[in-house]
């Protein structure tokens, strides 16, 4: 009886795939973000759970993703409320582009447009309620 290979990707595989889709290579990601290659390589090869908290936090911040979600095995945008450099304009907070993920999958241009439209409707409703 042959054991079938699991189709579930590890978080490390998801992270590497995300990096490759966004930067083209791990080395480009490291260089563009001023990271130490061996730290990133350790996270991707030995696992998130075997890395230091500081390295994981730095890694996730460079990708703009949530450390908490990575710990759960997901890739999701980082929460902005705790970020010291969080944008102050709601448009910046709600910026949607091809690097935005939903359930770990990048949004298409059409999906981004739908979200932008929904944001515009919500913003208009908030402004109307403030009157």
Protein backbone atom coordinates (compact mmCIF):
# COMPACT_ATOMS: atom_id res chain seq x y z
CA UNK A 1 0.00 0.00 0.00
CA UNK A 2 1.49 3.34 -1.09
CA UNK A 3 1.23 6.26 1.30
CA UNK A 4 -0.13 9.28 -0.48
CA UNK A 5 1.79 12.51 -0.07
CA UNK A 6 -0.17 15.08 1.90
CA UNK A 7 -1.29 18.06 -0.18
CA UNK A 8 -1.34 20.33 2.85
CA UNK A 9 1.53 22.82 2.73
CA UNK A 10 3.51 23.65 5.84
CA UNK A 11 3.64 27.29 6.89
CA UNK A 12 7.29 27.36 5.84
CA UNK A 13 6.33 26.19 2.32
CA UNK A 14 3.57 28.82 2.19
CA UNK A 15 6.00 31.52 3.31
CA UNK A 16 8.58 30.54 0.71
CA UNK A 17 5.93 30.49 -2.01
CA UNK A 18 4.71 33.92 -0.86
CA UNK A 19 8.26 35.32 -0.90
CA UNK A 20 8.90 33.91 -4.37
CA UNK A 21 5.65 35.36 -5.71
CA UNK A 22 6.41 38.79 -4.26
CA UNK A 23 10.21 39.03 -4.71
CA UNK A 24 11.18 36.35 -7.23
CA UNK A 25 13.77 34.81 -4.90
CA UNK A 26 14.60 34.48 -1.23
CA UNK A 27 17.88 36.32 -1.82
CA UNK A 28 16.04 39.30 -3.36
CA UNK A 29 13.68 39.37 -0.36
CA UNK A 30 16.63 39.34 2.04
CA UNK A 31 18.55 42.05 0.18
CA UNK A 32 15.55 44.34 -0.34
CA UNK A 33 14.64 44.21 3.36
CA UNK A 34 18.16 44.29 4.84
CA UNK A 35 17.75 40.89 6.50
CA UNK A 36 20.38 38.27 7.32
CA UNK A 37 20.15 35.41 4.82
CA UNK A 38 21.02 32.69 7.35
CA UNK A 39 18.17 33.81 9.65
CA UNK A 40 15.63 33.66 6.83
CA UNK A 41 17.03 30.36 5.60
CA UNK A 42 16.75 28.90 9.12
CA UNK A 43 13.10 29.93 9.34
CA UNK A 44 12.27 28.43 5.96
CA UNK A 45 14.30 25.22 6.34
CA UNK A 46 14.18 24.40 10.05
CA UNK A 47 10.79 25.91 10.76
CA UNK A 48 9.18 28.87 12.44
CA UNK A 49 9.08 27.02 15.77
CA UNK A 50 12.86 26.58 15.73
CA UNK A 51 13.61 30.27 15.17
CA UNK A 52 13.98 33.03 17.72
CA UNK A 53 11.03 35.32 18.41
CA UNK A 54 13.08 38.33 17.24
CA UNK A 55 13.94 36.69 13.92
CA UNK A 56 10.34 35.60 13.30
CA UNK A 57 9.02 39.08 14.15
CA UNK A 58 11.59 40.76 11.87
CA UNK A 59 10.81 38.26 9.09
CA UNK A 60 7.04 38.81 9.35
CA UNK A 61 7.40 42.59 9.56
CA UNK A 62 9.44 42.60 6.34
CA UNK A 63 6.62 40.68 4.65
CA UNK A 64 3.90 42.80 6.27
CA UNK A 65 2.23 39.73 7.71
CA UNK A 66 0.88 38.82 11.13
CA UNK A 67 3.17 36.85 13.46
CA UNK A 68 0.09 35.49 15.23
CA UNK A 69 -1.41 34.17 12.00
CA UNK A 70 1.90 32.63 10.94
CA UNK A 71 1.98 30.80 14.27
CA UNK A 72 -1.48 29.41 13.35
CA UNK A 73 -0.18 28.28 9.95
CA UNK A 74 -1.71 31.14 7.93
CA UNK A 75 -0.42 34.13 6.03
CA UNK A 76 -2.43 37.27 6.71
CA UNK A 77 -1.70 41.00 6.73
CA UNK A 78 -0.30 42.34 9.99
CA UNK A 79 -2.69 44.25 12.24
CA UNK A 80 -1.96 47.94 11.97
CA UNK A 81 -3.23 49.02 15.38
CA UNK A 82 -0.06 47.90 17.15
CA UNK A 83 2.39 49.18 14.57
CA UNK A 84 4.26 52.27 15.61
CA UNK A 85 4.48 53.41 12.00
CA UNK A 86 0.83 52.68 11.21
CA UNK A 87 -0.65 54.90 8.52
CA UNK A 88 -2.93 57.63 9.81
CA UNK A 89 -5.08 57.98 6.70
CA UNK A 90 -7.88 55.43 6.32
CA UNK A 91 -7.06 55.13 2.60
CA UNK A 92 -3.56 53.94 3.52
CA UNK A 93 -4.94 51.45 6.03
CA UNK A 94 -7.42 50.09 3.51
CA UNK A 95 -5.00 49.96 0.57
CA UNK A 96 -5.65 46.83 -1.44
CA UNK A 97 -3.31 45.52 -4.13
CA UNK A 98 -2.11 42.32 -5.74
CA UNK A 99 -0.03 41.54 -2.63
CA UNK A 100 -3.11 41.49 -0.39
CA UNK A 101 -3.98 37.99 0.74
CA UNK A 102 -7.29 36.40 1.58
CA UNK A 103 -7.01 32.92 3.07
CA UNK A 104 -3.35 32.88 2.05
CA UNK A 105 -4.13 33.52 -1.64
CA UNK A 106 -3.27 36.77 -3.44
CA UNK A 107 -6.26 38.74 -4.65
CA UNK A 108 -6.83 39.25 -8.35
CA UNK A 109 -7.14 42.75 -9.80
CA UNK A 110 -10.92 42.31 -10.04
CA UNK A 111 -11.14 41.16 -6.39
CA UNK A 112 -9.08 44.19 -5.30
CA UNK A 113 -11.50 46.46 -7.18
CA UNK A 114 -14.47 44.84 -5.40
CA UNK A 115 -12.84 45.43 -2.00
CA UNK A 116 -12.00 49.05 -2.86
CA UNK A 117 -15.64 49.61 -3.86
CA UNK A 118 -16.85 48.06 -0.58
CA UNK A 119 -14.45 50.31 1.37
CA UNK A 120 -15.78 53.37 -0.47
CA UNK A 121 -19.36 52.42 0.40
CA UNK A 122 -18.45 51.87 4.06
CA UNK A 123 -16.58 55.19 4.24
CA UNK A 124 -19.54 57.03 2.69
CA UNK A 125 -21.89 55.43 5.25
CA UNK A 126 -19.61 56.45 8.15
CA UNK A 127 -19.45 60.03 6.86
CA UNK A 128 -23.22 60.13 6.50
CA UNK A 129 -23.71 58.87 10.07
CA UNK A 130 -21.37 61.59 11.37
CA UNK A 131 -23.59 64.37 10.02
